[in-house]
Amino acid sequence: MTLLVVLEHDRGTWNDANDEALTAGRQLASDMDAALHVAIIGDGADGLAEQAAAGGAAIVHVVSDPLLTDYGPEAYGQSVVALIEDCEPDAVMAIGTDRGNEVMAQVGARADLGFVANCLSVDPSDDDTWTMTRAQWGGSLLEDATLTGDVKLLTYGHHVVAAQECTEPGAGEVEEFEPDLDDELGRTVVVDRQVLTSGVTLATAPVVVSGGRGVGSEDGFGILEELADLLGGRVGCSRAVTNNGWRNHSDQVGQTGTRIAPEIYIATGISGAIQHWVGAAASKRILAINTDPEANMVVKADYAVIGDLHKVVPAISAEIRGRQP
């Protein structure tokens, strides 16, 4: 048996979600008693084979085509379909990032195969019918599902699987693969990019300091910017803030924004609606600062300060500055 894991990269730069994918893939392949193969698609893929092998891959399929100069969901999806036809895996999985789910949805539609997204756990003990639990409705509902088909397609939810170091690297044998892609698929391939932010992003920041409606105004985020700078983190916000026009949507944490997994998430003036909680739930620790002790974010947080964020946040910043050498 064979499990094929689709990995992600940005023009040759390894995506940290791949470490989750390989960790989940190793366990699933073991449960299936299957060989672990990976697919890396597009320009720059050939330079990542060694990392894939270190993560346990026995075979690394490097997929190239003149169309695959950058990411394109249609071209990527058809590339995976062609690879499925060539190497005949029993299952294909990815991590449920925006890209991972988009590509796998393309694969399912193009190959007429069932696809289950955002799994929390998977049981492949029955070869014909797999059972899994997945998050639905933004994480407010856990659904038990079954999946049948000649090739099983699935993603694990992003940040559901904690990345672990592989103790037994794979052989990492590289196999070049060139799909026959129709030029029409190039219509959705990225042709240009504009850098809006550089350095640590909201999704990768070790510390995120977010504000909600309780911050009060666009100017009120100044104290959060100061605290985030002192901690080497990024500023986020709730949907209410973006709706009010105080911050750009790119700063939004939540189901319709960015899903984060920092070492600590400092949520100030945020009530903690389920849509926001979905985006923040993977945080290692959560500190809530709020005047309402019954707020959902306060109740679910690891630590809470009941008080006015306009007094508490500057006091934290002052304490940090006082301890700096």
Protein backbone atom coordinates (compact mmCIF):
# COMPACT_ATOMS: atom_id res chain seq x y z
CA MET A 1 0.00 0.00 0.00
CA THR A 2 1.05 3.62 -0.54
CA LEU A 3 0.18 6.92 1.11
CA LEU A 4 0.94 10.05 -0.91
CA VAL A 5 1.39 13.29 1.05
CA VAL A 6 1.18 16.57 -0.88
CA LEU A 7 3.64 19.11 0.53
CA GLU A 8 3.70 22.90 0.18
CA HIS A 9 6.44 25.38 -0.65
CA ASP A 10 6.78 28.95 -1.80
CA ARG A 11 9.14 29.03 -4.79
CA GLY A 12 11.52 26.60 -3.12
CA THR A 13 11.00 27.72 0.49
CA TRP A 14 9.82 24.97 2.81
CA ASN A 15 6.43 25.56 4.49
CA ASP A 16 6.32 24.71 8.20
CA ALA A 17 2.97 23.01 7.61
CA ASN A 18 4.98 20.25 5.91
CA ASP A 19 6.35 19.20 9.29
CA GLU A 20 2.77 18.64 10.44
CA ALA A 21 1.99 16.82 7.19
CA LEU A 22 4.93 14.46 7.54
CA THR A 23 4.20 13.79 11.22
CA ALA A 24 0.58 12.93 10.39
CA GLY A 25 1.68 11.04 7.30
CA ARG A 26 4.11 8.83 9.19
CA GLN A 27 1.41 7.80 11.66
CA LEU A 28 -1.23 7.25 8.99
CA ALA A 29 1.18 5.27 6.81
CA SER A 30 2.05 3.11 9.81
CA ASP A 31 -1.64 2.51 10.55
CA MET A 32 -2.15 1.58 6.88
CA ASP A 33 1.03 -0.53 6.76
CA ALA A 34 1.91 1.58 3.72
CA ALA A 35 4.96 3.19 2.16
CA LEU A 36 5.17 6.97 2.62
CA HIS A 37 5.50 8.95 -0.63
CA VAL A 38 5.41 12.72 -0.97
CA ALA A 39 4.68 15.05 -3.87
CA ILE A 40 6.38 18.43 -4.23
CA ILE A 41 5.08 20.49 -7.12
CA GLY A 42 6.53 23.33 -9.19
CA ASP A 43 9.68 25.41 -9.51
CA GLY A 44 12.06 24.93 -6.59
CA ALA A 45 10.61 21.57 -5.59
CA ASP A 46 13.77 19.63 -6.40
CA GLY A 47 15.70 21.42 -3.66
CA LEU A 48 13.37 20.15 -0.94
CA ALA A 49 13.77 16.40 -1.41
CA GLU A 50 16.33 16.11 1.37
CA GLN A 51 13.98 17.71 3.91
CA ALA A 52 11.17 15.43 2.81
CA ALA A 53 13.42 12.39 3.27
CA ALA A 54 14.41 13.61 6.73
CA GLY A 55 10.69 13.66 7.50
CA GLY A 56 10.32 9.99 6.61
CA ALA A 57 9.55 9.99 2.87
CA ALA A 58 10.61 6.83 1.07
CA ILE A 59 9.87 8.30 -2.38
CA VAL A 60 9.85 12.00 -3.31
CA HIS A 61 7.87 12.77 -6.46
CA VAL A 62 9.19 16.04 -7.89
CA VAL A 63 6.50 17.37 -10.23
CA SER A 64 7.50 19.85 -12.94
CA ASP A 65 5.90 21.43 -15.99
CA PRO A 66 6.38 24.73 -17.86
CA LEU A 67 3.05 25.91 -16.38
CA LEU A 68 4.17 25.30 -12.80
CA THR A 69 6.22 28.48 -12.40
CA ASP A 70 4.24 29.43 -9.28
CA TYR A 71 1.18 28.29 -7.37
CA GLY A 72 -2.01 27.63 -9.32
CA PRO A 73 -4.88 25.56 -7.86
CA GLU A 74 -6.07 24.09 -11.15
CA ALA A 75 -2.60 23.18 -12.40
CA TYR A 76 -1.61 21.77 -9.00
CA GLY A 77 -4.83 19.78 -8.71
CA GLN A 78 -4.47 18.26 -12.17
CA SER A 79 -0.80 17.48 -11.45
CA VAL A 80 -1.81 15.44 -8.41
CA VAL A 81 -4.52 13.66 -10.43
CA ALA A 82 -1.93 12.72 -13.07
CA LEU A 83 0.44 11.51 -10.35
CA ILE A 84 -2.33 9.39 -8.82
CA GLU A 85 -2.87 7.74 -12.20
CA ASP A 86 0.87 7.12 -12.49
CA CYS A 87 1.81 5.78 -9.05
CA GLU A 88 -1.61 4.52 -7.88
CA PRO A 89 -1.54 5.43 -4.17
CA ASP A 90 -4.23 4.08 -1.85
CA ALA A 91 -4.69 7.48 -0.20
CA VAL A 92 -3.61 11.11 -0.67
CA MET A 93 -3.43 13.59 2.18
CA ALA A 94 -2.33 17.13 2.91
CA ILE A 95 -2.58 19.64 5.73
CA GLY A 96 -5.74 21.75 5.67
CA THR A 97 -4.17 25.12 5.03
CA ASP A 98 -5.99 27.33 2.54
CA ARG A 99 -3.74 25.93 -0.18
CA GLY A 100 -3.90 22.34 1.01
CA ASN A 101 -7.70 22.26 1.07
CA GLU A 102 -7.93 24.08 -2.25
CA VAL A 103 -5.63 21.67 -4.05
CA MET A 104 -7.27 18.59 -2.58
CA ALA A 105 -10.72 19.89 -3.51
CA GLN A 106 -9.46 20.28 -7.06
CA VAL A 107 -8.15 16.70 -6.99
CA GLY A 108 -11.46 15.35 -5.73
CA ALA A 109 -13.49 17.20 -8.34
CA ARG A 110 -11.19 16.30 -11.23
CA ALA A 111 -10.80 12.63 -10.27
CA ASP A 112 -14.40 12.22 -9.10
CA LEU A 113 -13.25 11.03 -5.68
CA GLY A 114 -14.62 11.70 -2.21
CA PHE A 115 -12.66 14.21 -0.10
CA VAL A 116 -12.85 14.79 3.67
CA ALA A 117 -11.31 18.04 4.93
CA ASN A 118 -9.94 19.15 8.30
CA CYS A 119 -9.74 15.78 10.02
CA LEU A 120 -8.82 15.53 13.67
CA SER A 121 -8.32 11.76 13.62
CA VAL A 122 -8.40 9.03 10.98
CA ASP A 123 -8.93 5.27 11.35
CA PRO A 124 -7.91 3.33 8.20
CA SER A 125 -8.24 -0.12 9.79
CA ASP A 126 -10.98 -1.06 7.32
CA ASP A 127 -9.38 -0.82 3.88
CA ASP A 128 -12.71 -0.19 2.17
CA THR A 129 -14.33 2.26 4.58
CA TRP A 130 -12.26 4.68 6.62
CA THR A 131 -13.71 6.46 9.63
CA MET A 132 -12.64 9.90 10.79
CA THR A 133 -13.59 12.78 13.04
CA ARG A 134 -13.40 16.25 11.55
CA ALA A 135 -14.15 19.81 12.56
CA GLN A 136 -17.22 21.42 11.05
CA TRP A 137 -18.96 24.77 11.44
CA GLY A 138 -15.75 26.56 12.32
CA GLY A 139 -14.82 24.04 14.99
CA SER A 140 -18.13 24.27 16.90
CA LEU A 141 -19.15 20.79 15.71
CA LEU A 142 -17.19 17.53 15.57
CA GLU A 143 -18.47 15.24 12.83
CA ASP A 144 -17.89 11.50 12.60
CA ALA A 145 -17.61 10.61 8.93
CA THR A 146 -16.80 7.66 6.69
CA LEU A 147 -14.85 7.69 3.44
CA THR A 148 -14.94 5.12 0.68
CA GLY A 149 -13.39 4.99 -2.77
CA ASP A 150 -10.49 3.47 -4.63
CA VAL A 151 -8.29 6.39 -3.49
CA LYS A 152 -9.02 8.15 -0.20
CA LEU A 153 -8.52 11.94 -0.18
CA LEU A 154 -8.24 13.90 3.06
CA THR A 155 -6.62 16.76 4.91
CA TYR A 156 -5.78 17.05 8.57
CA GLY A 157 -6.79 20.35 10.17
CA HIS A 158 -3.99 22.92 10.27
CA HIS A 159 -2.28 22.90 13.71
CA VAL A 160 -4.24 19.78 14.75
CA VAL A 161 -1.13 17.60 14.53
CA ALA A 162 1.89 18.76 16.51
CA ALA A 163 5.00 18.46 14.34
CA GLN A 164 7.49 15.94 15.72
CA GLU A 165 11.04 15.11 14.68
CA CYS A 166 11.36 11.95 12.63
CA THR A 167 13.57 9.35 14.30
CA GLU A 168 13.80 7.14 11.19
CA PRO A 169 14.40 9.20 8.02
CA GLY A 170 13.21 7.75 4.75
CA ALA A 171 15.30 6.84 1.72
CA GLY A 172 14.05 9.93 -0.09
CA GLU A 173 14.49 8.42 -3.54
CA VAL A 174 13.68 11.17 -6.04
CA GLU A 175 11.38 10.37 -8.95
CA GLU A 176 10.84 13.10 -11.54
CA PHE A 177 7.31 13.40 -12.87
CA GLU A 178 6.05 15.57 -15.72
CA PRO A 179 2.25 15.76 -16.05
CA ASP A 180 0.70 16.62 -19.39
CA LEU A 181 -1.06 19.88 -18.45
CA ASP A 182 -3.42 21.79 -20.71
CA ASP A 183 -2.32 25.40 -21.20
CA GLU A 184 -5.79 26.50 -20.08
CA LEU A 185 -4.90 25.51 -16.51
CA GLY A 186 -2.40 28.35 -16.44
CA ARG A 187 -5.23 30.87 -16.09
CA THR A 188 -5.11 30.58 -12.28
CA VAL A 189 -1.33 30.36 -11.84
CA VAL A 190 0.17 33.28 -9.89
CA VAL A 191 1.96 35.61 -12.31
CA ASP A 192 2.95 38.50 -10.00
CA ARG A 193 3.28 39.23 -6.30
CA GLN A 194 3.24 42.32 -4.13
CA VAL A 195 4.82 42.07 -0.69
CA LEU A 196 2.51 43.61 1.91
CA THR A 197 4.47 42.46 4.95
CA SER A 198 7.92 41.05 5.52
CA GLY A 199 9.59 39.16 8.34
CA VAL A 200 7.41 37.41 10.92
CA THR A 201 3.81 37.02 9.78
CA LEU A 202 0.66 36.77 11.84
CA ALA A 203 0.45 33.04 11.09
CA THR A 204 4.05 32.34 12.16
CA ALA A 205 4.57 34.87 15.00
CA PRO A 206 5.61 33.34 18.35
CA VAL A 207 3.59 36.05 20.12
CA VAL A 208 0.34 37.62 18.92
CA VAL A 209 -1.27 40.57 20.68
CA SER A 210 -4.84 41.07 19.50
CA GLY A 211 -7.48 43.66 20.15
CA GLY A 212 -11.23 43.56 19.85
CA ARG A 213 -14.06 46.04 20.04
CA GLY A 214 -12.94 46.90 23.57
CA VAL A 215 -9.84 48.67 22.22
CA GLY A 216 -12.23 51.44 21.26
CA SER A 217 -10.64 52.96 18.15
CA GLU A 218 -7.94 52.67 15.52
CA ASP A 219 -5.63 54.82 17.66
CA GLY A 220 -6.21 52.50 20.61
CA PHE A 221 -4.08 49.85 18.89
CA GLY A 222 -0.95 51.92 19.53
CA ILE A 223 -0.44 50.33 22.95
CA LEU A 224 -0.85 46.87 21.42
CA GLU A 225 1.73 47.67 18.73
CA GLU A 226 4.15 48.73 21.46
CA LEU A 227 3.65 45.52 23.45
CA ALA A 228 3.98 43.34 20.35
CA ASP A 229 7.24 45.09 19.41
CA LEU A 230 8.67 44.50 22.88
CA LEU A 231 7.78 40.80 22.66
CA GLY A 232 8.90 40.29 19.06
CA GLY A 233 5.38 39.51 17.95
CA ARG A 234 2.60 40.73 15.68
CA VAL A 235 -0.68 42.53 16.25
CA GLY A 236 -3.95 40.83 15.36
CA CYS A 237 -7.59 41.75 15.78
CA SER A 238 -11.14 40.44 15.82
CA ARG A 239 -13.66 40.64 13.01
CA ALA A 240 -15.49 43.48 14.77
CA VAL A 241 -12.35 45.58 14.44
CA THR A 242 -12.04 45.01 10.71
CA ASN A 243 -15.76 45.67 10.29
CA ASN A 244 -15.24 49.04 11.98
CA GLY A 245 -12.33 49.78 9.65
CA TRP A 246 -9.77 50.07 12.45
CA ARG A 247 -7.44 47.39 11.05
CA ASN A 248 -6.92 45.64 7.73
CA HIS A 249 -8.49 42.21 7.16
CA SER A 250 -4.97 40.75 6.90
CA ASP A 251 -4.69 41.30 10.70
CA GLN A 252 -7.87 39.39 11.51
CA VAL A 253 -7.61 36.24 13.61
CA GLY A 254 -10.46 33.81 13.15
CA GLN A 255 -12.40 31.44 10.97
CA THR A 256 -12.56 33.96 8.11
CA GLY A 257 -9.15 35.40 8.91
CA THR A 258 -5.81 33.88 9.90
CA ARG A 259 -5.44 30.78 12.06
CA ILE A 260 -2.55 31.23 14.46
CA ALA A 261 -0.48 28.98 16.73
CA PRO A 262 1.81 31.25 18.77
CA GLU A 263 3.55 30.35 22.00
CA ILE A 264 1.28 32.89 23.66
CA TYR A 265 -1.79 34.74 22.45
CA ILE A 266 -2.68 37.93 24.30
CA ALA A 267 -6.33 38.75 23.61
CA THR A 268 -7.39 42.21 24.77
CA GLY A 269 -10.95 43.48 24.72
CA ILE A 270 -12.12 40.40 22.77
CA SER A 271 -15.30 38.62 23.82
CA GLY A 272 -14.28 35.38 22.11
CA ALA A 273 -17.01 34.48 19.64
CA ILE A 274 -16.70 30.96 18.25
CA GLN A 275 -15.45 32.28 14.88
CA HIS A 276 -12.56 34.05 16.61
CA TRP A 277 -11.86 31.10 18.89
CA VAL A 278 -11.43 28.82 15.87
CA GLY A 279 -8.54 30.98 14.68
CA ALA A 280 -6.87 31.17 18.09
CA ALA A 281 -7.53 27.70 19.55
CA ALA A 282 -4.14 26.28 18.48
CA SER A 283 -2.26 28.84 20.61
CA LYS A 284 -0.01 27.17 23.18
CA ARG A 285 -1.12 29.61 25.92
CA ILE A 286 -3.80 32.31 25.95
CA LEU A 287 -3.84 35.40 28.17
CA ALA A 288 -7.14 37.31 28.12
CA ILE A 289 -7.42 40.91 29.28
CA ASN A 290 -11.03 41.99 29.67
CA THR A 291 -13.35 43.83 32.05
CA ASP A 292 -15.94 41.04 31.74
CA PRO A 293 -15.03 37.95 33.81
CA GLU A 294 -17.73 35.94 32.01
CA ALA A 295 -16.48 36.67 28.48
CA ASN A 296 -15.95 33.48 26.46
CA MET A 297 -12.29 34.33 25.84
CA VAL A 298 -11.70 34.84 29.57
CA VAL A 299 -13.41 31.59 30.50
CA LYS A 300 -11.40 29.57 27.95
CA ALA A 301 -8.05 31.32 28.48
CA ASP A 302 -5.14 29.80 30.42
CA TYR A 303 -4.61 33.12 32.20
CA ALA A 304 -6.83 36.16 32.60
CA VAL A 305 -6.54 39.71 33.88
CA ILE A 306 -9.87 41.30 34.74
CA GLY A 307 -9.31 44.97 34.14
CA ASP A 308 -9.16 47.86 31.70
CA LEU A 309 -6.82 46.95 28.83
CA HIS A 310 -5.88 50.64 28.47
CA LYS A 311 -4.29 50.42 31.92
CA VAL A 312 -3.14 46.78 31.95
CA VAL A 313 -1.34 46.71 28.57
CA PRO A 314 0.81 49.84 29.20
CA ALA A 315 1.67 48.43 32.65
CA ILE A 316 2.89 45.17 31.06
CA SER A 317 4.98 47.12 28.54
CA ALA A 318 6.47 49.27 31.29
CA GLU A 319 7.40 46.17 33.29
CA ILE A 320 9.09 44.60 30.25
CA ARG A 321 11.08 47.75 29.53
CA GLY A 322 12.13 47.92 33.19
CA ARG A 323 13.57 44.41 33.00
CA GLN A 324 15.49 44.93 29.78
CA PRO A 325 19.27 45.34 30.19
